[in-house]
Amino acid sequence: MARDGGDLERARAAKAEAKRLLARLETVCGVGITRVAGHYAVKVNLETEPDPDAPLPEEIGGVPVVVHVVGRIRKQGRRAAR
């Protein structure tokens, strides 16, 4: 399989597939598209380290998958006016 990341349309299709594949993993807090070494990749953000047996693919349809543990994502409160 190609590991070059492909074009944006392949990355978008891989992102949709990643959302479907990873929908049941509670630790997933975001799925997006990023660029790695000049090519598109799917980025999966996790709240916590995944279980060793978690079904996290290395690529989807030839598009690389990058996994980052980013912690819990929370809405920030409004800042006080200065």
N, C-alpha and C. Protein backbone atom coordinates (compact mmCIF):
# COMPACT_ATOMS: atom_id res chain seq x y z
N MET A 1 0.82 -1.19 0.00
CA MET A 1 0.00 0.00 0.00
C MET A 1 0.87 1.24 0.00
N ALA A 2 0.40 2.25 -0.66
CA ALA A 2 1.14 3.50 -0.73
C ALA A 2 1.12 4.20 0.62
N ARG A 3 2.25 4.77 1.01
CA ARG A 3 2.33 5.48 2.28
C ARG A 3 2.60 6.95 2.03
N ASP A 4 2.30 7.44 0.83
CA ASP A 4 2.62 8.82 0.51
C ASP A 4 1.58 9.82 0.98
N GLY A 5 0.47 9.38 1.52
CA GLY A 5 -0.55 10.28 2.01
C GLY A 5 -1.58 10.64 0.99
N GLY A 6 -1.24 10.56 -0.28
CA GLY A 6 -2.22 10.83 -1.32
C GLY A 6 -2.68 12.26 -1.35
N ASP A 7 -3.75 12.49 -2.05
CA ASP A 7 -4.28 13.84 -2.18
C ASP A 7 -5.36 14.12 -1.14
N LEU A 8 -5.87 15.33 -1.16
CA LEU A 8 -6.83 15.76 -0.16
C LEU A 8 -8.12 14.94 -0.21
N GLU A 9 -8.57 14.57 -1.37
CA GLU A 9 -9.81 13.78 -1.46
C GLU A 9 -9.65 12.40 -0.83
N ARG A 10 -8.51 11.77 -1.04
CA ARG A 10 -8.26 10.47 -0.38
C ARG A 10 -8.19 10.65 1.12
N ALA A 11 -7.59 11.74 1.56
CA ALA A 11 -7.50 12.01 3.00
C ALA A 11 -8.89 12.24 3.59
N ARG A 12 -9.75 12.94 2.87
CA ARG A 12 -11.12 13.17 3.36
C ARG A 12 -11.88 11.85 3.47
N ALA A 13 -11.72 10.99 2.48
CA ALA A 13 -12.38 9.68 2.53
C ALA A 13 -11.83 8.85 3.68
N ALA A 14 -10.53 8.91 3.90
CA ALA A 14 -9.91 8.16 5.00
C ALA A 14 -10.36 8.71 6.35
N LYS A 15 -10.55 10.02 6.44
CA LYS A 15 -11.05 10.63 7.68
C LYS A 15 -12.44 10.11 7.99
N ALA A 16 -13.31 10.08 6.99
CA ALA A 16 -14.67 9.57 7.20
C ALA A 16 -14.64 8.11 7.66
N GLU A 17 -13.77 7.32 7.05
CA GLU A 17 -13.64 5.92 7.44
C GLU A 17 -13.09 5.80 8.86
N ALA A 18 -12.13 6.66 9.22
CA ALA A 18 -11.57 6.64 10.58
C ALA A 18 -12.66 6.95 11.60
N LYS A 19 -13.50 7.92 11.31
CA LYS A 19 -14.59 8.25 12.23
C LYS A 19 -15.50 7.04 12.44
N ARG A 20 -15.78 6.34 11.36
CA ARG A 20 -16.64 5.16 11.45
C ARG A 20 -15.95 4.05 12.25
N LEU A 21 -14.68 3.80 11.95
CA LEU A 21 -13.94 2.72 12.61
C LEU A 21 -13.72 2.97 14.10
N LEU A 22 -13.53 4.23 14.46
CA LEU A 22 -13.13 4.57 15.82
C LEU A 22 -14.28 5.11 16.67
N ALA A 23 -15.50 5.07 16.16
CA ALA A 23 -16.66 5.65 16.85
C ALA A 23 -16.88 5.06 18.24
N ARG A 24 -16.52 3.83 18.45
CA ARG A 24 -16.77 3.18 19.75
C ARG A 24 -15.66 3.38 20.77
N LEU A 25 -14.56 3.95 20.36
CA LEU A 25 -13.46 4.18 21.30
C LEU A 25 -13.74 5.47 22.08
N GLU A 26 -13.97 5.35 23.36
CA GLU A 26 -14.33 6.52 24.18
C GLU A 26 -13.19 7.52 24.31
N THR A 27 -11.98 7.09 24.15
CA THR A 27 -10.83 7.98 24.32
C THR A 27 -10.62 8.91 23.13
N VAL A 28 -11.27 8.65 21.99
CA VAL A 28 -11.13 9.51 20.81
C VAL A 28 -11.88 10.82 21.06
N CYS A 29 -11.17 11.95 20.93
CA CYS A 29 -11.80 13.25 21.13
C CYS A 29 -11.74 14.12 19.88
N GLY A 30 -11.20 13.59 18.80
CA GLY A 30 -11.18 14.34 17.55
C GLY A 30 -10.53 13.56 16.43
N VAL A 31 -11.05 13.78 15.22
CA VAL A 31 -10.48 13.18 14.02
C VAL A 31 -10.40 14.29 12.97
N GLY A 32 -9.24 14.47 12.39
CA GLY A 32 -9.07 15.53 11.40
C GLY A 32 -8.07 15.14 10.34
N ILE A 33 -7.65 16.14 9.59
CA ILE A 33 -6.65 15.96 8.53
C ILE A 33 -5.47 16.85 8.86
N THR A 34 -4.28 16.33 8.66
CA THR A 34 -3.05 17.08 8.90
C THR A 34 -2.10 16.83 7.74
N ARG A 35 -0.97 17.50 7.77
CA ARG A 35 0.06 17.25 6.76
C ARG A 35 1.30 16.72 7.47
N VAL A 36 1.88 15.69 6.89
CA VAL A 36 3.10 15.08 7.42
C VAL A 36 4.06 14.93 6.26
N ALA A 37 5.23 15.53 6.38
CA ALA A 37 6.25 15.45 5.34
C ALA A 37 5.69 15.84 3.96
N GLY A 38 4.84 16.86 3.95
CA GLY A 38 4.32 17.36 2.68
C GLY A 38 3.14 16.59 2.11
N HIS A 39 2.62 15.61 2.85
CA HIS A 39 1.49 14.81 2.37
C HIS A 39 0.37 14.84 3.41
N TYR A 40 -0.84 14.59 2.94
CA TYR A 40 -1.99 14.56 3.85
C TYR A 40 -2.02 13.26 4.64
N ALA A 41 -2.51 13.39 5.88
CA ALA A 41 -2.69 12.24 6.77
C ALA A 41 -3.92 12.48 7.62
N VAL A 42 -4.45 11.42 8.20
CA VAL A 42 -5.55 11.53 9.14
C VAL A 42 -4.96 11.67 10.53
N LYS A 43 -5.46 12.63 11.30
CA LYS A 43 -4.99 12.83 12.67
C LYS A 43 -6.09 12.41 13.63
N VAL A 44 -5.76 11.54 14.57
CA VAL A 44 -6.69 11.08 15.58
C VAL A 44 -6.19 11.59 16.93
N ASN A 45 -7.01 12.40 17.61
CA ASN A 45 -6.68 12.91 18.93
C ASN A 45 -7.35 12.04 19.98
N LEU A 46 -6.58 11.69 21.01
CA LEU A 46 -7.08 10.86 22.10
C LEU A 46 -6.97 11.61 23.42
N GLU A 47 -7.92 11.35 24.33
CA GLU A 47 -7.86 11.94 25.66
C GLU A 47 -6.80 11.26 26.52
N THR A 48 -6.66 9.96 26.39
CA THR A 48 -5.73 9.19 27.20
C THR A 48 -4.99 8.18 26.32
N GLU A 49 -3.94 7.61 26.87
CA GLU A 49 -3.20 6.58 26.14
C GLU A 49 -4.15 5.44 25.79
N PRO A 50 -4.07 4.93 24.57
CA PRO A 50 -4.96 3.83 24.19
C PRO A 50 -4.52 2.51 24.82
N ASP A 51 -5.49 1.61 24.95
CA ASP A 51 -5.16 0.25 25.38
C ASP A 51 -4.26 -0.37 24.32
N PRO A 52 -3.36 -1.26 24.72
CA PRO A 52 -2.47 -1.89 23.75
C PRO A 52 -3.22 -2.63 22.63
N ASP A 53 -4.40 -3.11 22.92
CA ASP A 53 -5.17 -3.85 21.91
C ASP A 53 -6.21 -2.98 21.20
N ALA A 54 -6.15 -1.67 21.39
CA ALA A 54 -7.10 -0.76 20.73
C ALA A 54 -6.91 -0.84 19.21
N PRO A 55 -8.01 -0.85 18.48
CA PRO A 55 -7.94 -0.98 17.01
C PRO A 55 -7.58 0.34 16.32
N LEU A 56 -6.34 0.79 16.49
CA LEU A 56 -5.90 2.03 15.86
C LEU A 56 -5.08 1.68 14.62
N PRO A 57 -5.61 1.97 13.44
CA PRO A 57 -4.90 1.62 12.21
C PRO A 57 -3.71 2.55 11.97
N GLU A 58 -2.71 2.04 11.28
CA GLU A 58 -1.55 2.85 10.89
C GLU A 58 -1.83 3.61 9.60
N GLU A 59 -2.76 3.08 8.81
CA GLU A 59 -3.16 3.76 7.57
C GLU A 59 -4.56 3.29 7.19
N ILE A 60 -5.23 4.12 6.43
CA ILE A 60 -6.55 3.80 5.92
C ILE A 60 -6.55 4.16 4.44
N GLY A 61 -6.75 3.19 3.60
CA GLY A 61 -6.77 3.44 2.16
C GLY A 61 -5.49 4.05 1.64
N GLY A 62 -4.37 3.71 2.24
CA GLY A 62 -3.09 4.25 1.80
C GLY A 62 -2.75 5.59 2.42
N VAL A 63 -3.64 6.14 3.22
CA VAL A 63 -3.41 7.43 3.89
C VAL A 63 -2.92 7.15 5.31
N PRO A 64 -1.77 7.69 5.69
CA PRO A 64 -1.25 7.44 7.04
C PRO A 64 -2.18 7.98 8.12
N VAL A 65 -2.19 7.31 9.27
CA VAL A 65 -2.95 7.76 10.43
C VAL A 65 -1.96 8.14 11.52
N VAL A 66 -2.07 9.37 12.01
CA VAL A 66 -1.21 9.88 13.07
C VAL A 66 -2.06 9.98 14.33
N VAL A 67 -1.58 9.40 15.43
CA VAL A 67 -2.32 9.40 16.69
C VAL A 67 -1.57 10.24 17.71
N HIS A 68 -2.29 11.19 18.34
CA HIS A 68 -1.71 12.02 19.40
C HIS A 68 -2.60 11.98 20.63
N VAL A 69 -1.98 11.85 21.79
CA VAL A 69 -2.71 11.96 23.05
C VAL A 69 -2.66 13.43 23.44
N VAL A 70 -3.82 14.09 23.41
CA VAL A 70 -3.90 15.53 23.65
C VAL A 70 -4.55 15.87 24.98
N GLY A 71 -5.07 14.87 25.66
CA GLY A 71 -5.77 15.13 26.92
C GLY A 71 -7.22 15.51 26.67
N ARG A 72 -7.88 15.86 27.74
CA ARG A 72 -9.30 16.22 27.65
C ARG A 72 -9.45 17.60 27.03
N ILE A 73 -10.37 17.72 26.10
CA ILE A 73 -10.65 19.00 25.46
C ILE A 73 -11.88 19.60 26.12
N ARG A 74 -11.73 20.83 26.60
CA ARG A 74 -12.83 21.50 27.28
C ARG A 74 -13.05 22.89 26.71
N LYS A 75 -14.26 23.31 26.75
CA LYS A 75 -14.60 24.66 26.33
C LYS A 75 -14.01 25.64 27.34
N GLN A 76 -13.38 26.68 26.83
CA GLN A 76 -12.82 27.69 27.73
C GLN A 76 -13.87 28.73 28.05
N GLY A 77 -13.83 29.24 29.25
CA GLY A 77 -14.75 30.29 29.67
C GLY A 77 -14.39 31.62 29.03
N ARG A 78 -15.32 32.53 29.05
CA ARG A 78 -15.08 33.85 28.49
C ARG A 78 -14.06 34.57 29.36
N ARG A 79 -13.12 35.25 28.74
CA ARG A 79 -12.11 36.00 29.48
C ARG A 79 -12.71 37.31 29.97
N ALA A 80 -12.25 37.75 31.11
CA ALA A 80 -12.73 39.01 31.67
C ALA A 80 -12.26 40.17 30.81
N ALA A 81 -13.10 41.16 30.62
CA ALA A 81 -12.75 42.36 29.83
C ALA A 81 -11.71 43.16 30.59
N ARG A 82 -10.76 43.71 29.84
CA ARG A 82 -9.69 44.51 30.48
C ARG A 82 -9.86 45.95 30.15
